[in-house]
Protein backbone atom coordinates (compact mmCIF):
# COMPACT_ATOMS: atom_id res chain seq x y z
CA MET A 1 115.43 146.07 79.32
CA ASP A 2 113.61 149.33 79.44
CA ILE A 3 109.80 149.29 79.42
CA GLN A 4 108.19 152.47 78.16
CA PRO A 5 105.09 153.75 76.37
CA VAL A 6 105.00 153.19 72.62
CA LYS A 7 105.36 156.09 70.21
CA PRO A 8 103.78 156.39 66.77
CA SER A 9 107.21 155.78 65.25
CA ASP A 10 107.21 152.30 66.87
CA ILE A 11 104.32 150.94 64.81
CA SER A 12 106.38 149.11 62.20
CA ALA A 13 108.78 147.65 64.79
CA VAL A 14 105.84 146.41 66.91
CA GLN A 15 104.09 144.95 63.85
CA HIS A 16 107.32 143.16 62.91
CA LEU A 17 107.75 141.75 66.44
CA ILE A 18 104.16 140.49 66.54
CA ALA A 19 104.38 138.98 63.06
CA MET A 20 107.61 137.13 63.92
CA VAL A 21 106.37 135.78 67.26
CA SER A 22 103.00 134.86 65.76
CA GLU A 23 104.64 132.95 62.92
CA LEU A 24 106.54 130.78 65.39
CA ASP A 25 104.20 130.45 68.38
CA VAL A 26 100.61 131.26 67.38
CA LEU A 27 99.89 130.46 63.74
CA PRO A 28 101.02 126.81 63.91
CA LEU A 29 98.09 126.22 66.30
CA PHE A 30 95.47 127.46 63.81
CA ASN A 31 93.83 125.79 60.85
CA ALA A 32 94.06 127.40 57.39
CA GLN A 33 91.01 129.61 58.03
CA GLY A 34 92.47 130.81 61.35
CA LYS A 35 95.82 131.63 59.79
CA GLU A 36 94.14 133.67 57.06
CA GLU A 37 91.85 135.47 59.53
CA TYR A 38 94.80 136.29 61.78
CA LYS A 39 96.94 137.63 58.95
CA THR A 40 94.20 139.70 57.29
CA ARG A 41 92.31 140.96 60.32
CA VAL A 42 94.28 140.64 63.55
CA LEU A 43 97.77 141.69 62.48
CA PRO A 44 96.65 144.83 60.59
CA ASP A 45 94.65 145.93 63.67
CA ILE A 46 97.83 146.45 65.75
CA GLU A 47 97.90 150.12 64.78
CA SER A 48 94.65 150.72 66.71
CA THR A 49 96.46 149.91 69.98
CA PHE A 50 98.44 153.13 69.58
CA ASP A 51 95.24 155.15 70.28
CA GLU A 52 95.99 156.54 73.75
CA SER A 53 92.32 157.37 74.37
CA MET A 54 91.50 153.65 74.51
CA PHE A 55 94.77 151.80 75.11
CA THR A 56 97.77 151.71 77.37
CA ALA A 57 100.46 150.34 75.06
CA ILE A 58 104.01 149.63 76.15
CA LYS A 59 107.17 148.25 74.64
CA ALA A 60 110.44 146.78 75.81
CA GLU A 61 113.63 147.58 73.99
CA HIS A 62 117.01 145.93 74.02
CA ASP A 63 119.91 147.42 72.08
CA GLY A 64 117.49 149.67 70.19
CA GLU A 65 115.24 146.78 69.10
CA VAL A 66 111.63 146.30 70.21
CA VAL A 67 111.63 142.89 71.93
CA GLY A 68 108.34 143.11 73.81
CA PHE A 69 104.92 144.69 73.43
CA GLY A 70 101.79 144.81 75.54
CA ALA A 71 98.46 146.62 75.29
CA LEU A 72 95.57 147.11 77.71
CA ARG A 73 92.23 148.39 76.37
CA ASP A 74 89.96 150.51 78.55
CA GLY A 75 92.00 149.61 81.62
CA ASN A 76 90.51 146.14 81.92
CA TYR A 77 91.29 144.03 78.85
CA VAL A 78 94.73 142.78 77.79
CA THR A 79 94.66 142.74 74.01
CA HIS A 80 98.32 141.97 73.27
CA LEU A 81 101.36 140.61 75.03
CA PHE A 82 104.26 139.52 72.84
CA VAL A 83 107.89 138.78 73.65
CA SER A 84 110.53 138.02 71.03
CA LYS A 85 111.82 134.45 70.94
CA SER A 86 115.25 135.66 72.04
CA CYS A 87 113.79 137.10 75.25
CA GLN A 88 111.23 134.45 76.15
CA GLY A 89 112.01 132.84 79.49
CA THR A 90 113.85 135.92 80.80
CA GLY A 91 110.97 137.39 82.83
CA LEU A 92 110.19 140.05 80.24
CA GLY A 93 106.61 138.81 79.75
CA ARG A 94 106.05 139.06 83.51
CA LYS A 95 107.47 142.59 83.55
CA LEU A 96 105.26 143.70 80.67
CA LEU A 97 102.16 142.15 82.24
CA SER A 98 102.97 143.68 85.64
CA SER A 99 103.45 147.07 84.05
CA LEU A 100 100.06 146.84 82.33
CA LEU A 101 98.35 145.70 85.53
CA ASP A 102 100.04 148.47 87.54
CA SER A 103 98.66 151.03 85.07
CA THR A 104 95.03 150.37 86.04
CA SER A 105 92.88 150.35 89.15
CA HIS A 106 90.31 147.96 87.67
CA LYS A 107 89.73 144.95 89.90
CA GLU A 108 88.97 142.51 87.07
CA ILE A 109 91.21 142.16 84.05
CA ARG A 110 90.18 139.92 81.15
CA LEU A 111 91.85 138.60 78.03
CA ARG A 112 91.66 136.00 75.32
CA SER A 113 94.79 133.94 75.61
CA SER A 114 96.29 132.17 72.65
CA VAL A 115 96.43 128.46 73.41
CA ASN A 116 100.21 128.51 73.82
CA ALA A 117 100.08 131.23 76.51
CA VAL A 118 97.43 129.80 78.88
CA CYS A 119 100.02 128.43 81.32
CA PHE A 120 101.82 131.78 81.41
CA TYR A 121 98.64 133.61 82.39
CA GLU A 122 97.62 130.94 84.90
CA HIS A 123 101.04 131.32 86.52
CA HIS A 124 100.23 135.02 86.97
CA GLY A 125 96.85 134.47 88.59
CA PHE A 126 94.49 134.42 85.62
CA GLU A 127 91.84 131.72 85.49
CA ALA A 128 90.11 130.23 82.48
CA MET A 129 86.49 131.35 82.27
CA ALA A 130 85.51 128.63 79.80
CA GLU A 131 86.94 125.85 77.69
CA GLU A 132 89.00 126.62 74.60
CA GLU A 133 86.99 128.39 71.91
CA SER A 134 87.49 129.07 68.23
CA PHE A 135 86.34 131.95 66.05
CA ASN A 136 86.96 131.72 62.31
CA GLY A 137 89.69 129.20 63.02
CA ILE A 138 91.46 131.30 65.69
CA ARG A 139 91.81 129.30 68.91
CA PHE A 140 91.76 131.04 72.30
CA VAL A 141 90.82 130.71 75.96
CA ARG A 142 88.90 133.46 77.77
CA MET A 143 90.64 134.27 81.03
CA SER A 144 90.13 136.61 83.95
CA LEU A 145 92.15 137.96 86.88
CA VAL A 146 90.18 139.28 89.85
CA ARG A 147 92.26 141.38 92.18
CA PRO A 148 91.42 142.11 95.84
């Protein structure tokens, strides 16, 4: 699978990927308020990650289909990391995360992990900064990776 920067023409494919993965892995963990907040506020905000002045955004393609997406804001904050169900468990998430981390010289990288992804990030060196939190019904764990 080829990892490369996103292009403006990828927006709809990335939005579709995120919506599909979210429907299966993220939304079931939220209450009704969280689901509504996510669908009306979080999903429509994906387009902002294509702003190269603030984000490093990458995609993975397989047979012409976007199967992975990651975004790093201001070089120190992972805002998105999504892998299609068909590619989960193949190492693609690790490759996307490594690519994002390799793109920055920042020593500390932070993120808000969805509850279902905490173990993934812990496996890659991130540590929880606090207990699970919730904002408008969206559950997450603040995490940080401090590099030498």
